[in-house]
Amino acid sequence: MAHEEKSKWEKIKQNIKEKWHELTDEDIEYINGDTERLNEKFRERYGKSYDEIERDNMYHN
């Protein structure tokens, strides 16, 4: 199970790097699959939580 989670996180990391250019490699390593850390970094870099940004994008696409 741990291997599956790591593999899933590797795919997610690639998506984050491609889509969210304000997040650094260090940010992504710090996040390490933790949603609370993800939201912390999104608030630092974008001023909104990940969920808020995704919701906004849904309405603007």
C-alpha atoms as a PDB file:
ATOM      1  CA  MET A   1       0.000   0.000   0.000  1.00  0.00           C
ATOM      2  CA  ALA A   2       2.790   2.461   0.833  1.00  0.00           C
ATOM      3  CA  HIS A   3       4.330   1.879  -2.613  1.00  0.00           C
ATOM      4  CA  GLU A   4       0.997   2.682  -4.288  1.00  0.00           C
ATOM      5  CA  GLU A   5       0.675   5.901  -2.300  1.00  0.00           C
ATOM      6  CA  LYS A   6       4.224   6.953  -3.214  1.00  0.00           C
ATOM      7  CA  SER A   7       3.578   6.231  -6.880  1.00  0.00           C
ATOM      8  CA  LYS A   8       0.351   8.235  -6.765  1.00  0.00           C
ATOM      9  CA  TRP A   9       2.160  11.155  -5.097  1.00  0.00           C
ATOM     10  CA  GLU A  10       4.845  11.094  -7.818  1.00  0.00           C
ATOM     11  CA  LYS A  11       2.141  11.568 -10.475  1.00  0.00           C
ATOM     12  CA  ILE A  12       0.465  14.324  -8.472  1.00  0.00           C
ATOM     13  CA  LYS A  13       3.820  16.114  -8.032  1.00  0.00           C
ATOM     14  CA  GLN A  14       4.273  16.240 -11.793  1.00  0.00           C
ATOM     15  CA  ASN A  15       0.796  17.711 -12.243  1.00  0.00           C
ATOM     16  CA  ILE A  16       1.455  20.314  -9.550  1.00  0.00           C
ATOM     17  CA  LYS A  17       4.756  21.336 -11.153  1.00  0.00           C
ATOM     18  CA  GLU A  18       3.115  21.734 -14.566  1.00  0.00           C
ATOM     19  CA  LYS A  19       0.056  23.653 -13.393  1.00  0.00           C
ATOM     20  CA  TRP A  20       1.172  25.683 -10.362  1.00  0.00           C
ATOM     21  CA  HIS A  21       4.355  27.501 -11.313  1.00  0.00           C
ATOM     22  CA  GLU A  22       4.515  29.546  -8.113  1.00  0.00           C
ATOM     23  CA  LEU A  23       5.238  26.408  -6.075  1.00  0.00           C
ATOM     24  CA  THR A  24       8.918  25.565  -5.853  1.00  0.00           C
ATOM     25  CA  ASP A  25      10.486  22.110  -5.763  1.00  0.00           C
ATOM     26  CA  GLU A  26      11.149  22.752  -2.076  1.00  0.00           C
ATOM     27  CA  ASP A  27       7.451  23.544  -1.531  1.00  0.00           C
ATOM     28  CA  ILE A  28       6.435  20.318  -3.233  1.00  0.00           C
ATOM     29  CA  GLU A  29       8.902  18.270  -1.194  1.00  0.00           C
ATOM     30  CA  TYR A  30       7.608  19.950   1.981  1.00  0.00           C
ATOM     31  CA  ILE A  31       4.006  19.129   1.013  1.00  0.00           C
ATOM     32  CA  ASN A  32       4.896  15.451   0.493  1.00  0.00           C
ATOM     33  CA  GLY A  33       1.285  14.428  -0.088  1.00  0.00           C
ATOM     34  CA  ASP A  34      -0.102  16.199   2.991  1.00  0.00           C
ATOM     35  CA  THR A  35      -3.257  18.167   2.108  1.00  0.00           C
ATOM     36  CA  GLU A  36      -2.845  20.549   5.045  1.00  0.00           C
ATOM     37  CA  ARG A  37       0.645  21.415   3.883  1.00  0.00           C
ATOM     38  CA  LEU A  38      -0.651  21.753   0.315  1.00  0.00           C
ATOM     39  CA  ASN A  39      -3.231  24.294   1.437  1.00  0.00           C
ATOM     40  CA  GLU A  40      -0.620  26.101   3.548  1.00  0.00           C
ATOM     41  CA  LYS A  41       1.639  26.542   0.519  1.00  0.00           C
ATOM     42  CA  PHE A  42      -1.251  27.590  -1.740  1.00  0.00           C
ATOM     43  CA  ARG A  43      -2.212  30.258   0.785  1.00  0.00           C
ATOM     44  CA  GLU A  44       1.403  31.475   0.935  1.00  0.00           C
ATOM     45  CA  ARG A  45       1.886  31.583  -2.837  1.00  0.00           C
ATOM     46  CA  TYR A  46      -1.610  32.355  -4.157  1.00  0.00           C
ATOM     47  CA  GLY A  47      -3.537  33.788  -1.201  1.00  0.00           C
ATOM     48  CA  LYS A  48      -6.191  31.057  -1.463  1.00  0.00           C
ATOM     49  CA  SER A  49      -6.566  27.407  -0.535  1.00  0.00           C
ATOM     50  CA  TYR A  50      -6.239  24.745  -3.198  1.00  0.00           C
ATOM     51  CA  ASP A  51      -9.994  24.098  -3.012  1.00  0.00           C
ATOM     52  CA  GLU A  52     -10.779  27.793  -3.528  1.00  0.00           C
ATOM     53  CA  ILE A  53      -8.509  27.949  -6.558  1.00  0.00           C
ATOM     54  CA  GLU A  54      -9.976  24.779  -8.068  1.00  0.00           C
ATOM     55  CA  ARG A  55     -13.510  26.075  -7.483  1.00  0.00           C
ATOM     56  CA  ASP A  56     -12.627  29.415  -9.125  1.00  0.00           C
ATOM     57  CA  ASN A  57     -11.077  27.618 -12.104  1.00  0.00           C
ATOM     58  CA  MET A  58     -14.182  25.482 -12.509  1.00  0.00           C
ATOM     59  CA  TYR A  59     -16.313  28.597 -12.950  1.00  0.00           C
ATOM     60  CA  HIS A  60     -13.874  30.393 -15.249  1.00  0.00           C
ATOM     61  CA  ASN A  61     -13.173  27.575 -17.719  1.00  0.00           C
END
